[in-house]
Amino acid sequence: MLSRIKNLLSAYGRSATIGLTLAVMPIAHAVVPPTPAPAAPIAAPGTAPIAPVLAAKAWLLIDMTSNQKLAGENDTARVDPASLTKLMVDYLTLAAIRDKKLSLTQSVPVPVDLYQHVDRKTESVMFIPPGKTATVDDLLHGLIIQSGNDAALVLADAVGGSEASFVEMMNREAKRLGMNATSYRNPSGLSDPEHYTTAADLAILVTRLINDFPEFYPLYSQKSFTYNGIKQGNRNLLLYKDNTVDGVKTGHTDAAGFCLIASAKRPQPGGLPDRRLLSVVMGAVSADARAQESLKLLNWGFQNFDAVRLYDADQAIATPRLWKGTASEIKLGFQHPVFITLPKGQAGNIKSTLDRKDPLVAPINAGDRVGTLKLALDGRPVAELPVVSLDTVPQAGFFGRAWDAMRLWVK
């Protein structure tokens, strides 16, 4: 495999590399939350450039192509999510649409007393007429583009039946996704001592949002929305500064400071798929600062790393002996394309080890985990990838099993 990695990366020139922590899981095909990053840095201290210094309370950079953490600071520290809370409102609403509990064209009632619970003078709103109805589609636009607290409350009622029930749903979903350091107390993001999250948890949520509902993600790049005769612009300033940025969401309260989750998708050389990075910047001092720091982080990630396809889906990485089956060999590999993100110029230092559950004994089904591919750079762990069977092989007949049992005993 080492020679394969060298060949794949031979086109990339050498440049500065970085010491940071990485974790890999090909999440576009995953059904579980991202794996936490290991503690070991990816590059030896002598070759590691220093990560950018950001004027923020907490920040994190993820390569979504490989689901690797490239850098972060205070990314597991508790922070106020402000309007980034609405990302969970969106996730649950889209799940309800997927499950056919709601539809985009469905009109939902707007409470007569809505603005007794939302202050139109101090909170972000989309100006929904109380006592009327609004479509789910309009509410989603108002939630994401205009960051409307009124939209969040109306959607909470539509999805959960009440705000209190919806908040319970938010917390259950957070736990299901692996956001174990998150606690919600309201759907709009108003500050509360028990309303908190982390940059790492927010990255989990946005990664799942983009991958689970890709057809709805373009909404996050829309620059303005007009509702009830009032046009409001998207507060994500990067949408106007960099055409590779296509989301995600801003947030601000006095307690949280200025927050921005940004994502950019840029082409890679050699015909590889476009590469997506995700940045989370929490607690900047202004709207301009959160945009500037986010763009600095995204540019740094694209300039210092390359995401490389190691294996295609269903490509065999090994064909070991199989015992007591209708076939004597079995193909091992991955059921999804496998990417890894590496500092530029570090391909020659990658080493791999396949830990396998020998002896392999039938029956084995396609998708059964049979080992782990461990990657290391300069002796430091980079990633551990679950290796699965690519074949389904049933048990052999009685005499075949007996013959292999005897051979295994002798062996």
Protein backbone atom coordinates (compact mmCIF):
# COMPACT_ATOMS: atom_id res chain seq x y z
CA MET A 1 0.00 0.00 0.00
CA LEU A 2 2.89 2.36 0.68
CA SER A 3 3.88 2.28 -2.97
CA ARG A 4 0.28 2.98 -3.94
CA ILE A 5 0.17 6.06 -1.70
CA LYS A 6 3.48 7.26 -3.13
CA ASN A 7 2.16 6.90 -6.66
CA LEU A 8 -1.08 8.68 -5.85
CA LEU A 9 0.71 11.63 -4.30
CA SER A 10 3.71 11.87 -6.59
CA ALA A 11 2.10 14.80 -8.40
CA TYR A 12 2.04 16.94 -5.24
CA GLY A 13 5.04 19.13 -4.51
CA ARG A 14 6.72 19.44 -1.12
CA SER A 15 5.81 22.41 1.04
CA ALA A 16 5.30 23.31 4.67
CA THR A 17 3.52 20.71 6.79
CA ILE A 18 1.74 20.92 10.10
CA GLY A 19 1.58 19.15 13.42
CA LEU A 20 -2.00 18.55 14.49
CA THR A 21 -4.43 15.79 15.30
CA LEU A 22 -6.37 13.82 12.73
CA ALA A 23 -9.18 11.29 12.67
CA VAL A 24 -10.60 9.53 9.65
CA MET A 25 -14.00 8.14 8.80
CA PRO A 26 -15.51 8.37 5.31
CA ILE A 27 -18.64 10.05 6.53
CA ALA A 28 -20.42 10.50 3.26
CA HIS A 29 -21.33 6.82 3.65
CA ALA A 30 -21.33 6.70 7.44
CA VAL A 31 -24.31 6.11 9.68
CA VAL A 32 -22.55 7.00 12.90
CA PRO A 33 -21.00 10.26 14.15
CA PRO A 34 -17.40 11.21 13.32
CA THR A 35 -14.64 9.47 15.26
CA PRO A 36 -12.82 11.69 17.79
CA ALA A 37 -9.32 12.72 16.79
CA PRO A 38 -6.40 10.87 18.39
CA ALA A 39 -3.94 12.77 20.52
CA ALA A 40 -0.86 12.13 18.39
CA PRO A 41 0.20 14.89 15.94
CA ILE A 42 0.36 13.90 12.30
CA ALA A 43 3.80 15.35 11.56
CA ALA A 44 7.02 15.28 13.48
CA PRO A 45 7.64 18.50 15.44
CA GLY A 46 10.60 19.41 13.25
CA THR A 47 8.47 19.49 10.08
CA ALA A 48 5.26 20.97 11.47
CA PRO A 49 4.41 24.58 10.66
CA ILE A 50 2.37 26.46 13.22
CA ALA A 51 -1.38 26.62 12.77
CA PRO A 52 -2.82 30.10 12.24
CA VAL A 53 -3.55 32.26 15.26
CA LEU A 54 -7.24 33.16 15.30
CA ALA A 55 -8.92 35.94 17.25
CA ALA A 56 -11.71 33.72 18.58
CA LYS A 57 -12.67 31.92 21.77
CA ALA A 58 -12.75 28.52 20.06
CA TRP A 59 -12.26 27.23 16.54
CA LEU A 60 -11.97 24.06 14.49
CA LEU A 61 -11.13 23.05 10.92
CA ILE A 62 -12.39 19.79 9.39
CA ASP A 63 -11.70 18.26 5.98
CA MET A 64 -15.07 16.78 5.11
CA THR A 65 -13.61 14.79 2.22
CA SER A 66 -11.88 12.51 4.70
CA ASN A 67 -13.59 13.69 7.91
CA GLN A 68 -10.23 14.60 9.42
CA LYS A 69 -9.67 17.28 11.99
CA LEU A 70 -6.91 19.49 10.63
CA ALA A 71 -6.54 21.92 13.52
CA GLY A 72 -8.43 23.37 16.44
CA GLU A 73 -8.21 25.33 19.66
CA ASN A 74 -10.61 25.00 22.59
CA ASP A 75 -12.83 22.99 20.25
CA THR A 76 -14.18 20.84 23.10
CA ALA A 77 -14.71 23.80 25.45
CA ARG A 78 -18.29 24.77 26.31
CA VAL A 79 -19.55 27.73 24.26
CA ASP A 80 -22.84 29.55 23.70
CA PRO A 81 -24.19 28.53 20.26
CA ALA A 82 -26.43 31.59 19.74
CA SER A 83 -28.29 31.25 16.41
CA LEU A 84 -26.20 28.24 15.42
CA THR A 85 -28.87 26.51 17.50
CA LYS A 86 -31.10 26.84 14.45
CA LEU A 87 -29.00 24.24 12.65
CA MET A 88 -30.59 21.60 14.86
CA VAL A 89 -34.03 23.10 14.15
CA ASP A 90 -33.26 22.74 10.45
CA TYR A 91 -31.97 19.17 10.87
CA LEU A 92 -35.11 18.03 12.69
CA THR A 93 -37.39 19.81 10.22
CA LEU A 94 -35.66 18.19 7.25
CA ALA A 95 -35.90 14.82 9.00
CA ALA A 96 -39.67 15.38 9.39
CA ILE A 97 -39.89 16.18 5.67
CA ARG A 98 -37.88 13.07 4.81
CA ASP A 99 -40.18 10.97 7.00
CA LYS A 100 -43.24 12.55 5.33
CA LYS A 101 -44.48 14.13 8.56
CA LEU A 102 -44.24 17.55 6.90
CA SER A 103 -43.97 18.84 3.35
CA LEU A 104 -42.38 21.97 1.94
CA THR A 105 -45.70 23.23 0.60
CA GLN A 106 -47.57 22.55 3.83
CA SER A 107 -48.98 25.63 5.56
CA VAL A 108 -48.60 25.63 9.33
CA PRO A 109 -50.40 27.91 11.79
CA VAL A 110 -48.65 30.93 13.27
CA PRO A 111 -49.59 31.60 16.92
CA VAL A 112 -51.49 34.81 17.57
CA ASP A 113 -49.18 35.58 20.50
CA LEU A 114 -45.96 34.77 18.60
CA TYR A 115 -44.36 38.15 19.23
CA GLN A 116 -45.04 37.97 22.91
CA HIS A 117 -42.31 35.32 22.86
CA VAL A 118 -40.05 37.02 20.29
CA ASP A 119 -38.82 40.59 20.61
CA ARG A 120 -38.89 42.09 17.13
CA LYS A 121 -36.72 45.02 18.28
CA THR A 122 -33.77 43.01 19.60
CA GLU A 123 -34.04 39.57 17.94
CA SER A 124 -33.63 38.43 14.35
CA VAL A 125 -37.04 37.82 12.79
CA MET A 126 -38.59 37.16 9.37
CA PHE A 127 -41.76 39.13 10.27
CA ILE A 128 -44.40 36.39 10.06
CA PRO A 129 -47.93 37.78 10.43
CA PRO A 130 -49.37 36.39 13.72
CA GLY A 131 -52.58 34.38 13.47
CA LYS A 132 -51.95 33.51 9.82
CA THR A 133 -50.21 30.54 8.20
CA ALA A 134 -46.79 30.12 6.63
CA THR A 135 -45.40 27.37 4.42
CA VAL A 136 -42.64 25.14 5.70
CA ASP A 137 -40.53 26.21 2.72
CA ASP A 138 -40.81 29.90 3.61
CA LEU A 139 -40.08 29.14 7.26
CA LEU A 140 -36.91 27.25 6.33
CA HIS A 141 -35.75 30.19 4.21
CA GLY A 142 -36.50 32.57 7.08
CA LEU A 143 -34.74 30.29 9.55
CA ILE A 144 -31.50 29.89 7.57
CA ILE A 145 -31.13 33.09 5.53
CA GLN A 146 -32.75 35.61 7.86
CA SER A 147 -31.99 33.65 11.07
CA GLY A 148 -35.54 34.31 12.24
CA ASN A 149 -36.30 33.45 15.85
CA ASP A 150 -39.97 33.60 14.92
CA ALA A 151 -39.38 30.97 12.22
CA ALA A 152 -37.62 28.75 14.77
CA LEU A 153 -40.58 28.87 17.17
CA VAL A 154 -43.19 28.19 14.47
CA LEU A 155 -41.18 25.24 13.13
CA ALA A 156 -40.72 23.93 16.67
CA ASP A 157 -44.49 23.84 17.10
CA ALA A 158 -45.00 22.25 13.67
CA VAL A 159 -42.43 19.48 14.21
CA GLY A 160 -42.68 18.88 17.95
CA GLY A 161 -46.21 19.95 18.82
CA SER A 162 -44.90 22.49 21.33
CA GLU A 163 -41.67 24.30 22.07
CA ALA A 164 -41.04 22.19 25.17
CA SER A 165 -41.53 18.91 23.29
CA PHE A 166 -39.34 20.13 20.47
CA VAL A 167 -36.50 21.03 22.85
CA GLU A 168 -36.67 17.46 24.15
CA MET A 169 -36.37 16.26 20.55
CA MET A 170 -33.35 18.51 20.02
CA ASN A 171 -31.54 17.02 23.00
CA ARG A 172 -32.39 13.44 22.01
CA GLU A 173 -31.14 14.04 18.51
CA ALA A 174 -27.94 15.64 19.78
CA LYS A 175 -27.17 12.51 21.78
CA ARG A 176 -28.02 10.25 18.85
CA LEU A 177 -25.61 12.16 16.62
CA GLY A 178 -22.84 11.96 19.20
CA MET A 179 -23.03 15.60 20.30
CA ASN A 180 -22.42 14.59 23.89
CA ALA A 181 -21.29 18.01 25.10
CA THR A 182 -24.41 19.83 23.89
CA SER A 183 -27.51 20.92 25.81
CA TYR A 184 -30.46 22.81 24.34
CA ARG A 185 -33.02 24.89 26.23
CA ASN A 186 -34.75 26.71 23.34
CA PRO A 187 -34.93 26.52 19.53
CA SER A 188 -33.87 30.08 18.77
CA GLY A 189 -30.51 30.25 20.54
CA LEU A 190 -31.29 32.71 23.33
CA SER A 191 -28.62 32.60 26.03
CA ASP A 192 -29.24 30.33 29.00
CA PRO A 193 -26.76 28.78 31.47
CA GLU A 194 -27.94 25.30 30.39
CA HIS A 195 -27.91 26.10 26.66
CA TYR A 196 -24.45 25.24 25.34
CA THR A 197 -22.38 23.25 22.87
CA THR A 198 -18.80 22.93 21.58
CA ALA A 199 -17.13 23.68 18.26
CA ALA A 200 -16.54 19.93 17.85
CA ASP A 201 -20.23 19.13 18.39
CA LEU A 202 -21.28 21.81 15.91
CA ALA A 203 -18.96 20.26 13.33
CA ILE A 204 -20.67 16.90 13.85
CA LEU A 205 -24.09 18.49 13.34
CA VAL A 206 -23.17 20.41 10.19
CA THR A 207 -21.38 17.41 8.70
CA ARG A 208 -24.48 15.29 9.17
CA LEU A 209 -26.71 18.09 7.89
CA ILE A 210 -24.73 18.40 4.65
CA ASN A 211 -24.40 14.65 4.10
CA ASP A 212 -27.85 13.55 5.22
CA PHE A 213 -29.77 16.28 3.36
CA PRO A 214 -27.60 17.36 0.40
CA GLU A 215 -30.61 18.41 -1.66
CA PHE A 216 -31.41 21.14 0.88
CA TYR A 217 -27.88 22.39 1.44
CA PRO A 218 -27.96 25.00 -1.41
CA LEU A 219 -30.33 27.01 0.79
CA TYR A 220 -27.31 27.96 2.92
CA SER A 221 -25.67 29.76 0.00
CA GLN A 222 -28.70 31.94 -0.84
CA LYS A 223 -27.73 35.56 -0.29
CA SER A 224 -31.16 37.07 0.40
CA PHE A 225 -34.80 36.26 0.97
CA THR A 226 -37.90 38.42 0.72
CA TYR A 227 -40.88 37.62 2.91
CA ASN A 228 -43.93 39.69 3.78
CA GLY A 229 -42.53 42.41 1.51
CA ILE A 230 -39.29 42.67 3.52
CA LYS A 231 -35.96 41.72 1.93
CA GLN A 232 -33.15 40.61 4.21
CA GLY A 233 -29.63 39.52 3.34
CA ASN A 234 -27.67 36.51 4.52
CA ARG A 235 -25.32 37.58 7.32
CA ASN A 236 -22.56 35.22 6.17
CA LEU A 237 -20.19 37.77 4.66
CA LEU A 238 -18.02 35.07 3.06
CA LEU A 239 -20.79 34.37 0.55
CA TYR A 240 -20.03 37.79 -0.93
CA LYS A 241 -16.21 37.52 -0.70
CA ASP A 242 -15.34 34.00 -1.90
CA ASN A 243 -17.35 32.13 -4.51
CA THR A 244 -16.11 28.76 -3.22
CA VAL A 245 -17.90 29.36 0.10
CA ASP A 246 -21.45 27.98 0.04
CA GLY A 247 -22.53 28.17 3.70
CA VAL A 248 -23.18 27.73 6.48
CA LYS A 249 -24.59 29.85 9.33
CA THR A 250 -23.88 32.83 11.55
CA GLY A 251 -24.75 33.43 15.20
CA HIS A 252 -24.45 36.26 17.68
CA THR A 253 -25.47 37.15 21.20
CA ASP A 254 -23.70 39.27 23.77
CA ALA A 255 -22.69 36.10 25.61
CA ALA A 256 -21.59 34.16 22.51
CA GLY A 257 -19.85 36.90 20.60
CA PHE A 258 -19.82 36.65 16.81
CA CYS A 259 -19.83 33.07 15.49
CA LEU A 260 -19.63 31.58 12.01
CA ILE A 261 -19.62 28.07 10.60
CA ALA A 262 -18.29 28.30 7.05
CA SER A 263 -17.78 25.71 4.34
CA ALA A 264 -15.90 25.96 1.07
CA LYS A 265 -15.58 23.51 -1.80
CA ARG A 266 -12.59 23.81 -4.11
CA PRO A 267 -11.21 21.67 -6.97
CA GLN A 268 -8.27 19.31 -6.56
CA PRO A 269 -5.60 18.38 -9.11
CA GLY A 270 -5.44 15.06 -10.90
CA GLY A 271 -9.14 14.65 -11.55
CA LEU A 272 -9.96 14.04 -7.89
CA PRO A 273 -13.35 15.12 -6.55
CA ASP A 274 -13.74 18.64 -5.24
CA ARG A 275 -12.60 18.98 -1.65
CA ARG A 276 -14.78 20.49 1.10
CA LEU A 277 -13.44 22.09 4.27
CA LEU A 278 -15.57 23.12 7.23
CA SER A 279 -14.53 25.80 9.71
CA VAL A 280 -16.15 26.63 13.05
CA VAL A 281 -15.22 29.98 14.59
CA MET A 282 -16.79 30.92 17.92
CA GLY A 283 -16.61 34.16 19.89
CA ALA A 284 -15.04 36.63 17.47
CA VAL A 285 -15.31 40.35 18.24
CA SER A 286 -17.36 41.44 15.21
CA ALA A 287 -19.15 40.24 12.09
CA ASP A 288 -16.17 41.28 9.96
CA ALA A 289 -13.74 39.51 12.29
CA ARG A 290 -15.60 36.20 12.24
CA ALA A 291 -15.59 36.28 8.42
CA GLN A 292 -11.93 37.25 8.21
CA GLU A 293 -10.81 34.59 10.69
CA SER A 294 -12.91 31.91 8.99
CA LEU A 295 -11.47 32.70 5.56
CA LYS A 296 -7.94 32.69 7.00
CA LEU A 297 -8.57 29.21 8.41
CA LEU A 298 -10.11 27.82 5.21
CA ASN A 299 -7.30 29.18 3.02
CA TRP A 300 -4.68 27.74 5.36
CA GLY A 301 -6.29 24.28 5.19
CA PHE A 302 -6.48 24.26 1.40
CA GLN A 303 -2.92 25.52 1.02
CA ASN A 304 -1.24 23.10 3.41
CA PHE A 305 -3.06 19.80 2.84
CA ASP A 306 -4.18 17.48 0.08
CA ALA A 307 -7.01 14.96 0.27
CA VAL A 308 -6.12 11.81 -1.65
CA ARG A 309 -8.25 8.86 -2.69
CA LEU A 310 -6.58 5.69 -1.38
CA TYR A 311 -9.17 3.14 -2.48
CA ASP A 312 -12.30 3.00 -4.57
CA ALA A 313 -15.48 1.46 -3.26
CA ASP A 314 -15.36 -2.36 -3.39
CA GLN A 315 -11.67 -2.40 -4.34
CA ALA A 316 -9.89 -5.36 -2.75
CA ILE A 317 -6.92 -4.47 -0.57
CA ALA A 318 -6.26 -8.10 0.39
CA THR A 319 -7.50 -11.58 -0.60
CA PRO A 320 -6.71 -13.87 2.35
CA ARG A 321 -7.44 -17.57 2.88
CA LEU A 322 -10.98 -18.40 4.00
CA TRP A 323 -11.77 -21.57 5.92
CA LYS A 324 -14.91 -23.75 6.00
CA GLY A 325 -16.58 -21.80 3.19
CA THR A 326 -17.80 -22.43 -0.32
CA ALA A 327 -14.84 -20.33 -1.52
CA SER A 328 -11.23 -20.63 -0.39
CA GLU A 329 -10.48 -16.90 -0.56
CA ILE A 330 -12.34 -13.73 0.30
CA LYS A 331 -11.87 -10.12 -0.83
CA LEU A 332 -11.35 -7.48 1.85
CA GLY A 333 -11.67 -3.72 1.44
CA PHE A 334 -14.10 -0.84 1.89
CA GLN A 335 -17.68 -0.37 0.73
CA HIS A 336 -17.10 3.34 0.12
CA PRO A 337 -14.27 5.39 -1.41
CA VAL A 338 -11.52 6.01 1.13
CA PHE A 339 -9.79 9.38 1.29
CA ILE A 340 -7.03 10.58 3.56
CA THR A 341 -5.84 14.13 4.08
CA LEU A 342 -2.08 14.61 4.40
CA PRO A 343 0.27 17.56 4.74
CA LYS A 344 1.77 18.31 1.37
CA GLY A 345 4.94 16.37 0.67
CA GLN A 346 4.43 13.73 3.37
CA ALA A 347 3.37 10.76 1.20
CA GLY A 348 6.73 9.01 1.39
CA ASN A 349 6.50 8.74 5.16
CA ILE A 350 3.12 6.96 5.31
CA LYS A 351 3.16 3.33 6.43
CA SER A 352 0.23 0.93 6.71
CA THR A 353 -0.55 -2.18 8.74
CA LEU A 354 -3.52 -4.47 8.22
CA ASP A 355 -4.66 -6.07 11.45
CA ARG A 356 -6.86 -9.02 10.50
CA LYS A 357 -9.03 -11.41 12.49
CA ASP A 358 -7.29 -14.62 11.45
CA PRO A 359 -8.27 -17.30 10.80
CA LEU A 360 -11.23 -16.11 8.75
CA VAL A 361 -13.97 -18.71 8.99
CA ALA A 362 -17.21 -18.86 6.98
CA PRO A 363 -19.98 -17.88 7.00
CA ILE A 364 -19.04 -14.25 6.34
CA ASN A 365 -21.38 -11.64 4.89
CA ALA A 366 -20.46 -8.65 2.76
CA GLY A 367 -19.97 -5.71 5.09
CA ASP A 368 -18.81 -7.78 8.08
CA ARG A 369 -15.86 -6.13 9.75
CA VAL A 370 -12.81 -8.38 9.55
CA GLY A 371 -9.92 -6.10 10.41
CA THR A 372 -8.44 -2.62 10.69
CA LEU A 373 -6.10 -0.77 8.36
CA LYS A 374 -3.77 1.38 10.47
CA LEU A 375 -1.97 4.32 8.87
CA ALA A 376 0.99 6.07 10.48
CA LEU A 377 3.13 9.03 9.48
CA ASP A 378 6.67 9.17 10.87
CA GLY A 379 5.64 6.57 13.42
CA ARG A 380 2.65 8.60 14.61
CA PRO A 381 -0.93 7.33 14.14
CA VAL A 382 -2.86 9.06 11.38
CA ALA A 383 -5.98 6.93 11.00
CA GLU A 384 -7.60 3.59 11.69
CA LEU A 385 -10.00 2.40 9.00
CA PRO A 386 -12.42 -0.50 9.49
CA VAL A 387 -11.85 -3.17 6.83
CA VAL A 388 -14.84 -5.27 5.78
CA SER A 389 -15.56 -8.31 3.67
CA LEU A 390 -16.54 -7.45 0.11
CA ASP A 391 -18.02 -10.93 -0.47
CA THR A 392 -20.73 -13.06 1.06
CA VAL A 393 -19.46 -16.61 1.50
CA PRO A 394 -21.71 -19.24 3.11
CA GLN A 395 -20.49 -22.29 4.96
CA ALA A 396 -19.28 -25.27 2.98
CA GLY A 397 -20.96 -28.65 3.29
CA PHE A 398 -20.20 -31.11 6.10
CA PHE A 399 -17.17 -32.72 4.47
CA GLY A 400 -15.69 -29.37 3.40
CA ARG A 401 -16.01 -28.00 6.92
CA ALA A 402 -14.56 -31.18 8.41
CA TRP A 403 -11.58 -31.12 6.05
CA ASP A 404 -10.80 -27.46 6.85
CA ALA A 405 -11.26 -28.10 10.56
CA MET A 406 -8.62 -30.83 10.38
CA ARG A 407 -6.26 -28.61 8.39
CA LEU A 408 -6.69 -25.78 10.90
CA TRP A 409 -5.98 -28.16 13.75
CA VAL A 410 -2.79 -29.34 12.08
CA LYS A 411 -1.83 -25.75 11.24
